[in-house]
Every structure is written in structure tokens, then in C-alpha cells.
Amino acid sequence: MKTFFALLSFTLIACAQTPKTHKAELTKLEPVQTHRNDGLKNAYFASGCFWCVEAIYESVKGVKEVISGYSGGHVDNPTYRQVGYGTTGHTETVEVQYDPNIVSFEELLTVYYASQNPTTYGQAPDFGAAYRSIIFYQNKLEEKAAELAKAKVATDGNYQKVITEIKAFQKFWPAEDYHQDYEKRNPNYPYIVRVSIPRLNRFKAKHPELLKP
């Protein structure tokens, strides 16, 4: 995806895709609730390249770990190539493992909207089904919070049409190992320098109060 020659061809393929409705999406699914025994909670968000989104959430106080992966589709154990070609219904998604005593789900939603443009079918320079904007909820409270956050963003004057999807969480598939902590491990990679780091810095400038010390 992120060498510049591969990025160009990959983006052209993604841009040519049109949204597909799969059988599982024809009826509203009941969300699956994840459970932990360490006092932390999981949250799931998609908003473009997961390298970028992972780095953003890892900068937030109360977030203990962020995993890049795939969610929202109909194929088990999807690969990066499959997701990128839009054949699985999945999006590049992050699992945010957070301490609810330090940061709330509502604050994670603030981070979500402050770090993307929710009116586009992807985030520049990555467009297409694999990069669309989705909040995954695990229960009614998260669904309500997601709906309120979307409504607030849609009426605050900055965006004319918010196309973020709000979907019942079903399953998260961790991405291949080389995707994990990609920005941290590859700070000089051209995509990281030109796309990921500027996106992270724009978020940090908007909400310094949410950042780790």
C-alpha cells in the first residue's frame, strides 16, 4: 500500500470500488461484547490507514495498547491484500485497549472525529472500501454515544455531510505482524513522514488535553 508506486496503483483500484451490501448487512446484527479480566476495555474504530490511526490512539492518555487489524466484513482471517482489494467487506480497523478510569469511550469518540475528515470515503491519500469511516459499537450505550457524537459533528458547522458508519461489532482480526507499531518502527518511511506524522500532529494540536504526558 505504502510505497509510492504501489500506493498509486492501489489507490486507483480502491477508488474504482463502489460500496457493496453483503447479506450480513441486510439486517441489523446484534453487537458482540468483548470481555477482559484486567480492568481494561476494548473499542474499535476505522478511519483510513491503520498505521495512522494506531499512532493517534497510542498518543492518548489512558490508552494502554492499540492493535491494527480488520473488522466489519464477511471473511474469516482476511489478509491485507484481500482487504485492500475490497473483496472481504472489512476495513482497516484498530482495537483500542483503554483504561475507562482514565479515558472514556466518549473521549475516544472525540479523538476519532478530531483526527479525520468524516465526509470522505477514506482518508487522503487512501480511498475505497478498506479505508471507510466506521465506529463499531459493542452495546447500546456505545451505540447511543456514537450516534450523539456523529450528530454533534454533523451540526457543528465544520462538516456538511458526515458519512461515518455506526455498526455492531462482530469480530476483530489482527493484521499481519509487520503492520503493528508501523509508524513507531519506521519513522523515516516516506508515507509515515508525509501522511501519518502530519495527521498525528494535527490531532495533537487540536486536543493537547487528551495526550499522554
C-alpha atoms as a PDB file:
ATOM      1  CA  MET A   1       0.000   0.000   0.000  1.00  0.00           C
ATOM      2  CA  LYS A   2       2.536   2.498   1.069  1.00  0.00           C
ATOM      3  CA  THR A   3       5.448   2.505  -1.268  1.00  0.00           C
ATOM      4  CA  PHE A   4       4.667   5.359  -3.585  1.00  0.00           C
ATOM      5  CA  PHE A   5       4.452   3.253  -6.757  1.00  0.00           C
ATOM      6  CA  ALA A   6       2.323   0.635  -5.029  1.00  0.00           C
ATOM      7  CA  LEU A   7       0.308   3.354  -3.343  1.00  0.00           C
ATOM      8  CA  LEU A   8      -0.636   4.911  -6.659  1.00  0.00           C
ATOM      9  CA  SER A   9      -1.882   1.701  -8.234  1.00  0.00           C
ATOM     10  CA  PHE A  10      -3.513   0.565  -5.013  1.00  0.00           C
ATOM     11  CA  THR A  11      -5.372   3.861  -4.602  1.00  0.00           C
ATOM     12  CA  LEU A  12      -6.598   3.753  -8.194  1.00  0.00           C
ATOM     13  CA  ILE A  13      -8.014   0.293  -7.606  1.00  0.00           C
ATOM     14  CA  ALA A  14      -9.618   1.355  -4.328  1.00  0.00           C
ATOM     15  CA  CYS A  15     -11.114   4.492  -5.850  1.00  0.00           C
ATOM     16  CA  ALA A  16     -12.752   2.407  -8.553  1.00  0.00           C
ATOM     17  CA  GLN A  17     -14.613   0.350  -5.982  1.00  0.00           C
ATOM     18  CA  THR A  18     -18.215   1.011  -5.122  1.00  0.00           C
ATOM     19  CA  PRO A  19     -19.773   0.173  -1.751  1.00  0.00           C
ATOM     20  CA  LYS A  20     -21.216  -3.350  -1.645  1.00  0.00           C
ATOM     21  CA  THR A  21     -24.004  -4.556   0.588  1.00  0.00           C
ATOM     22  CA  HIS A  22     -23.431  -8.062   1.908  1.00  0.00           C
ATOM     23  CA  LYS A  23     -26.061 -10.442   3.231  1.00  0.00           C
ATOM     24  CA  ALA A  24     -24.936  -9.895   6.816  1.00  0.00           C
ATOM     25  CA  GLU A  25     -25.635  -6.167   6.422  1.00  0.00           C
ATOM     26  CA  LEU A  26     -29.202  -6.539   5.140  1.00  0.00           C
ATOM     27  CA  THR A  27     -30.479  -6.984   8.694  1.00  0.00           C
ATOM     28  CA  LYS A  28     -29.220  -5.234  11.807  1.00  0.00           C
ATOM     29  CA  LEU A  29     -26.905  -7.525  13.724  1.00  0.00           C
ATOM     30  CA  GLU A  30     -26.698  -7.714  17.487  1.00  0.00           C
ATOM     31  CA  PRO A  31     -23.323  -6.448  18.721  1.00  0.00           C
ATOM     32  CA  VAL A  32     -20.756  -8.768  20.263  1.00  0.00           C
ATOM     33  CA  GLN A  33     -19.401  -7.572  23.616  1.00  0.00           C
ATOM     34  CA  THR A  34     -15.730  -8.215  24.340  1.00  0.00           C
ATOM     35  CA  HIS A  35     -14.634  -9.007  27.907  1.00  0.00           C
ATOM     36  CA  ARG A  36     -11.335  -8.608  29.715  1.00  0.00           C
ATOM     37  CA  ASN A  37     -10.164  -9.536  33.226  1.00  0.00           C
ATOM     38  CA  ASP A  38      -7.548  -6.794  33.641  1.00  0.00           C
ATOM     39  CA  GLY A  39      -9.828  -3.782  34.178  1.00  0.00           C
ATOM     40  CA  LEU A  40      -9.344  -2.517  30.628  1.00  0.00           C
ATOM     41  CA  LYS A  41     -11.905  -2.223  27.837  1.00  0.00           C
ATOM     42  CA  ASN A  42     -11.652  -2.582  24.066  1.00  0.00           C
ATOM     43  CA  ALA A  43     -13.004  -0.154  21.478  1.00  0.00           C
ATOM     44  CA  TYR A  44     -12.932  -0.487  17.695  1.00  0.00           C
ATOM     45  CA  PHE A  45     -12.557   2.294  15.131  1.00  0.00           C
ATOM     46  CA  ALA A  46     -11.846   2.591  11.413  1.00  0.00           C
ATOM     47  CA  SER A  47     -10.811   5.864   9.755  1.00  0.00           C
ATOM     48  CA  GLY A  48      -8.331   5.298   6.982  1.00  0.00           C
ATOM     49  CA  CYS A  49      -4.880   3.752   7.128  1.00  0.00           C
ATOM     50  CA  PHE A  50      -4.495   1.837  10.378  1.00  0.00           C
ATOM     51  CA  TRP A  51      -0.843   2.880  10.652  1.00  0.00           C
ATOM     52  CA  CYS A  52      -2.076   6.433  11.184  1.00  0.00           C
ATOM     53  CA  VAL A  53      -5.000   5.592  13.462  1.00  0.00           C
ATOM     54  CA  GLU A  54      -2.894   3.319  15.654  1.00  0.00           C
ATOM     55  CA  ALA A  55      -0.332   6.073  16.266  1.00  0.00           C
ATOM     56  CA  ILE A  56      -3.041   8.616  17.082  1.00  0.00           C
ATOM     57  CA  TYR A  57      -4.745   6.484  19.714  1.00  0.00           C
ATOM     58  CA  GLU A  58      -1.440   5.420  21.236  1.00  0.00           C
ATOM     59  CA  SER A  59      -0.783   9.098  22.000  1.00  0.00           C
ATOM     60  CA  VAL A  60      -3.957   9.341  24.128  1.00  0.00           C
ATOM     61  CA  LYS A  61      -3.851   9.165  27.920  1.00  0.00           C
ATOM     62  CA  GLY A  62      -5.445   6.029  29.344  1.00  0.00           C
ATOM     63  CA  VAL A  63      -4.811   4.000  26.186  1.00  0.00           C
ATOM     64  CA  LYS A  64      -2.599   1.037  27.025  1.00  0.00           C
ATOM     65  CA  GLU A  65      -2.264  -0.658  23.628  1.00  0.00           C
ATOM     66  CA  VAL A  66      -3.542  -0.345  20.069  1.00  0.00           C
ATOM     67  CA  ILE A  67      -3.655  -3.228  17.602  1.00  0.00           C
ATOM     68  CA  SER A  68      -4.025  -2.794  13.848  1.00  0.00           C
ATOM     69  CA  GLY A  69      -6.377  -5.218  12.127  1.00  0.00           C
ATOM     70  CA  TYR A  70      -9.547  -5.763  10.148  1.00  0.00           C
ATOM     71  CA  SER A  71     -13.246  -5.708  11.011  1.00  0.00           C
ATOM     72  CA  GLY A  72     -16.700  -5.255   9.535  1.00  0.00           C
ATOM     73  CA  GLY A  73     -16.551  -7.856   6.779  1.00  0.00           C
ATOM     74  CA  HIS A  74     -17.704 -11.377   5.976  1.00  0.00           C
ATOM     75  CA  VAL A  75     -14.422 -13.312   5.525  1.00  0.00           C
ATOM     76  CA  ASP A  76     -12.568 -15.117   8.315  1.00  0.00           C
ATOM     77  CA  ASN A  77      -8.839 -14.467   8.728  1.00  0.00           C
ATOM     78  CA  PRO A  78      -8.638 -11.831   5.981  1.00  0.00           C
ATOM     79  CA  THR A  79      -5.283 -10.854   4.565  1.00  0.00           C
ATOM     80  CA  TYR A  80      -4.021  -7.355   3.908  1.00  0.00           C
ATOM     81  CA  ARG A  81      -4.204  -7.912   0.152  1.00  0.00           C
ATOM     82  CA  GLN A  82      -7.782  -9.229   0.309  1.00  0.00           C
ATOM     83  CA  VAL A  83      -8.966  -6.291   2.403  1.00  0.00           C
ATOM     84  CA  GLY A  84      -7.174  -3.804   0.177  1.00  0.00           C
ATOM     85  CA  TYR A  85      -8.901  -5.136  -2.930  1.00  0.00           C
ATOM     86  CA  GLY A  86     -12.308  -4.720  -1.273  1.00  0.00           C
ATOM     87  CA  THR A  87     -13.362  -8.362  -1.595  1.00  0.00           C
ATOM     88  CA  THR A  88     -13.998  -9.065   2.096  1.00  0.00           C
ATOM     89  CA  GLY A  89     -16.134  -6.151   3.294  1.00  0.00           C
ATOM     90  CA  HIS A  90     -13.570  -5.454   6.013  1.00  0.00           C
ATOM     91  CA  THR A  91     -11.996  -2.101   6.807  1.00  0.00           C
ATOM     92  CA  GLU A  92      -8.590  -1.355   8.250  1.00  0.00           C
ATOM     93  CA  THR A  93      -9.538  -1.103  11.929  1.00  0.00           C
ATOM     94  CA  VAL A  94      -7.812  -0.591  15.256  1.00  0.00           C
ATOM     95  CA  GLU A  95      -8.520  -2.245  18.577  1.00  0.00           C
ATOM     96  CA  VAL A  96      -8.008   0.356  21.300  1.00  0.00           C
ATOM     97  CA  GLN A  97      -7.305  -1.156  24.721  1.00  0.00           C
ATOM     98  CA  TYR A  98      -8.020   1.539  27.294  1.00  0.00           C
ATOM     99  CA  ASP A  99      -8.489   2.211  30.992  1.00  0.00           C
ATOM    100  CA  PRO A 100     -12.047   3.541  31.477  1.00  0.00           C
ATOM    101  CA  ASN A 101     -10.963   5.142  34.758  1.00  0.00           C
ATOM    102  CA  ILE A 102      -8.657   7.462  32.801  1.00  0.00           C
ATOM    103  CA  VAL A 103     -10.299   7.944  29.409  1.00  0.00           C
ATOM    104  CA  SER A 104     -13.953   7.416  28.499  1.00  0.00           C
ATOM    105  CA  PHE A 105     -15.477   5.947  25.363  1.00  0.00           C
ATOM    106  CA  GLU A 106     -16.918   9.409  24.675  1.00  0.00           C
ATOM    107  CA  GLU A 107     -13.411  10.896  24.769  1.00  0.00           C
ATOM    108  CA  LEU A 108     -12.234   8.214  22.364  1.00  0.00           C
ATOM    109  CA  LEU A 109     -15.014   9.392  20.047  1.00  0.00           C
ATOM    110  CA  THR A 110     -13.671  12.930  20.362  1.00  0.00           C
ATOM    111  CA  VAL A 111     -10.268  11.609  19.285  1.00  0.00           C
ATOM    112  CA  TYR A 112     -11.939   9.763  16.417  1.00  0.00           C
ATOM    113  CA  TYR A 113     -13.569  12.793  14.843  1.00  0.00           C
ATOM    114  CA  ALA A 114     -10.698  15.164  15.636  1.00  0.00           C
ATOM    115  CA  SER A 115      -8.273  13.028  13.645  1.00  0.00           C
ATOM    116  CA  GLN A 116     -10.057  12.549  10.315  1.00  0.00           C
ATOM    117  CA  ASN A 117     -12.365  14.002   7.690  1.00  0.00           C
ATOM    118  CA  PRO A 118     -15.605  12.019   8.170  1.00  0.00           C
ATOM    119  CA  THR A 119     -17.168  13.256   4.925  1.00  0.00           C
ATOM    120  CA  THR A 120     -14.941  11.281   2.548  1.00  0.00           C
ATOM    121  CA  TYR A 121     -14.882   7.596   1.557  1.00  0.00           C
ATOM    122  CA  GLY A 122     -11.448   7.122   3.100  1.00  0.00           C
ATOM    123  CA  GLN A 123      -8.666   9.443   4.195  1.00  0.00           C
ATOM    124  CA  ALA A 124      -6.246  11.018   1.738  1.00  0.00           C
ATOM    125  CA  PRO A 125      -4.374   9.515   0.028  1.00  0.00           C
ATOM    126  CA  ASP A 126      -6.189   6.219   0.773  1.00  0.00           C
ATOM    127  CA  PHE A 127      -9.724   5.879  -0.565  1.00  0.00           C
ATOM    128  CA  GLY A 128     -12.057   2.942  -1.056  1.00  0.00           C
ATOM    129  CA  ALA A 129     -13.929   0.323   0.956  1.00  0.00           C
ATOM    130  CA  ALA A 130     -10.916  -0.689   3.051  1.00  0.00           C
ATOM    131  CA  TYR A 131     -10.489   2.853   4.387  1.00  0.00           C
ATOM    132  CA  ARG A 132     -14.025   3.975   5.126  1.00  0.00           C
ATOM    133  CA  SER A 133     -15.031   5.642   8.393  1.00  0.00           C
ATOM    134  CA  ILE A 134     -16.742   3.277  10.877  1.00  0.00           C
ATOM    135  CA  ILE A 135     -17.427   3.312  14.609  1.00  0.00           C
ATOM    136  CA  PHE A 136     -18.044  -0.215  15.900  1.00  0.00           C
ATOM    137  CA  TYR A 137     -20.246  -0.447  18.999  1.00  0.00           C
ATOM    138  CA  GLN A 138     -20.443  -3.368  21.427  1.00  0.00           C
ATOM    139  CA  ASN A 139     -23.557  -2.408  23.368  1.00  0.00           C
ATOM    140  CA  LYS A 140     -26.472   0.042  23.425  1.00  0.00           C
ATOM    141  CA  LEU A 141     -24.575   2.632  25.443  1.00  0.00           C
ATOM    142  CA  GLU A 142     -21.760   2.750  22.904  1.00  0.00           C
ATOM    143  CA  GLU A 143     -24.253   2.873  20.056  1.00  0.00           C
ATOM    144  CA  LYS A 144     -26.027   5.839  21.637  1.00  0.00           C
ATOM    145  CA  ALA A 145     -22.740   7.623  22.332  1.00  0.00           C
ATOM    146  CA  ALA A 146     -21.633   7.058  18.726  1.00  0.00           C
ATOM    147  CA  GLU A 147     -24.913   8.417  17.371  1.00  0.00           C
ATOM    148  CA  LEU A 148     -24.713  11.510  19.582  1.00  0.00           C
ATOM    149  CA  ALA A 149     -21.103  12.167  18.591  1.00  0.00           C
ATOM    150  CA  LYS A 150     -21.946  11.836  14.904  1.00  0.00           C
ATOM    151  CA  ALA A 151     -24.934  14.162  15.250  1.00  0.00           C
ATOM    152  CA  LYS A 152     -22.821  16.751  17.075  1.00  0.00           C
ATOM    153  CA  VAL A 153     -20.123  16.707  14.423  1.00  0.00           C
ATOM    154  CA  ALA A 154     -22.746  16.958  11.682  1.00  0.00           C
ATOM    155  CA  THR A 155     -24.207  20.128  13.200  1.00  0.00           C
ATOM    156  CA  ASP A 156     -21.090  21.943  14.406  1.00  0.00           C
ATOM    157  CA  GLY A 157     -20.574  23.767  11.106  1.00  0.00           C
ATOM    158  CA  ASN A 158     -17.287  22.137  10.113  1.00  0.00           C
ATOM    159  CA  TYR A 159     -18.771  19.366   8.005  1.00  0.00           C
ATOM    160  CA  GLN A 160     -21.723  19.371   5.639  1.00  0.00           C
ATOM    161  CA  LYS A 161     -22.287  15.623   5.426  1.00  0.00           C
ATOM    162  CA  VAL A 162     -20.843  13.044   7.815  1.00  0.00           C
ATOM    163  CA  ILE A 163     -20.772   9.594   6.229  1.00  0.00           C
ATOM    164  CA  THR A 164     -19.295   7.692   9.174  1.00  0.00           C
ATOM    165  CA  GLU A 165     -20.983   4.310   9.586  1.00  0.00           C
ATOM    166  CA  ILE A 166     -22.087   3.088  13.007  1.00  0.00           C
ATOM    167  CA  LYS A 167     -22.008  -0.705  13.006  1.00  0.00           C
ATOM    168  CA  ALA A 168     -22.490  -3.513  15.510  1.00  0.00           C
ATOM    169  CA  PHE A 169     -19.120  -5.040  16.341  1.00  0.00           C
ATOM    170  CA  GLN A 170     -18.786  -8.707  15.424  1.00  0.00           C
ATOM    171  CA  LYS A 171     -15.151  -9.779  15.152  1.00  0.00           C
ATOM    172  CA  PHE A 172     -11.691  -8.246  15.012  1.00  0.00           C
ATOM    173  CA  TRP A 173      -8.864  -9.901  13.108  1.00  0.00           C
ATOM    174  CA  PRO A 174      -5.339  -8.652  13.996  1.00  0.00           C
ATOM    175  CA  ALA A 175      -3.306  -7.642  10.967  1.00  0.00           C
ATOM    176  CA  GLU A 176      -0.023  -9.196   9.962  1.00  0.00           C
ATOM    177  CA  ASP A 177       2.852  -8.611  12.395  1.00  0.00           C
ATOM    178  CA  TYR A 178       4.694  -6.132  10.190  1.00  0.00           C
ATOM    179  CA  HIS A 179       1.771  -3.689  10.409  1.00  0.00           C
ATOM    180  CA  GLN A 180       1.912  -3.421  14.206  1.00  0.00           C
ATOM    181  CA  ASP A 181       3.544  -0.233  15.573  1.00  0.00           C
ATOM    182  CA  TYR A 182       4.457   0.595  11.993  1.00  0.00           C
ATOM    183  CA  GLU A 183       4.828   4.339  12.476  1.00  0.00           C
ATOM    184  CA  LYS A 184       6.928   3.887  15.597  1.00  0.00           C
ATOM    185  CA  ARG A 185       9.227   1.351  13.931  1.00  0.00           C
ATOM    186  CA  ASN A 186       9.509   3.142  10.580  1.00  0.00           C
ATOM    187  CA  PRO A 187       9.666   6.879  11.365  1.00  0.00           C
ATOM    188  CA  ASN A 188      11.598   7.706   8.176  1.00  0.00           C
ATOM    189  CA  TYR A 189       9.420   5.778   5.747  1.00  0.00           C
ATOM    190  CA  PRO A 190       8.095   8.263   3.124  1.00  0.00           C
ATOM    191  CA  TYR A 191       4.402   7.520   3.768  1.00  0.00           C
ATOM    192  CA  ILE A 192       4.921   7.941   7.512  1.00  0.00           C
ATOM    193  CA  VAL A 193       6.779  11.225   7.041  1.00  0.00           C
ATOM    194  CA  ARG A 194       4.343  12.702   4.539  1.00  0.00           C
ATOM    195  CA  VAL A 195       0.989  11.321   5.757  1.00  0.00           C
ATOM    196  CA  SER A 196       0.992   9.657   9.181  1.00  0.00           C
ATOM    197  CA  ILE A 197       3.085  12.083  11.223  1.00  0.00           C
ATOM    198  CA  PRO A 198       1.326  15.219   9.896  1.00  0.00           C
ATOM    199  CA  ARG A 199      -2.042  13.612  10.654  1.00  0.00           C
ATOM    200  CA  LEU A 200      -0.907  12.767  14.190  1.00  0.00           C
ATOM    201  CA  ASN A 201       0.422  16.275  14.752  1.00  0.00           C
ATOM    202  CA  ARG A 202      -2.823  17.863  13.548  1.00  0.00           C
ATOM    203  CA  PHE A 203      -4.717  15.847  16.140  1.00  0.00           C
ATOM    204  CA  LYS A 204      -2.250  16.715  18.906  1.00  0.00           C
ATOM    205  CA  ALA A 205      -2.665  20.413  18.172  1.00  0.00           C
ATOM    206  CA  LYS A 206      -6.448  20.140  18.494  1.00  0.00           C
ATOM    207  CA  HIS A 207      -6.597  18.238  21.788  1.00  0.00           C
ATOM    208  CA  PRO A 208      -3.434  18.571  23.880  1.00  0.00           C
ATOM    209  CA  GLU A 209      -5.521  17.867  26.995  1.00  0.00           C
ATOM    210  CA  LEU A 210      -6.097  14.271  25.844  1.00  0.00           C
ATOM    211  CA  LEU A 211      -2.428  13.436  25.315  1.00  0.00           C
ATOM    212  CA  LYS A 212      -0.169  11.318  27.474  1.00  0.00           C
ATOM    213  CA  PRO A 213       2.390  13.301  29.490  1.00  0.00           C
END
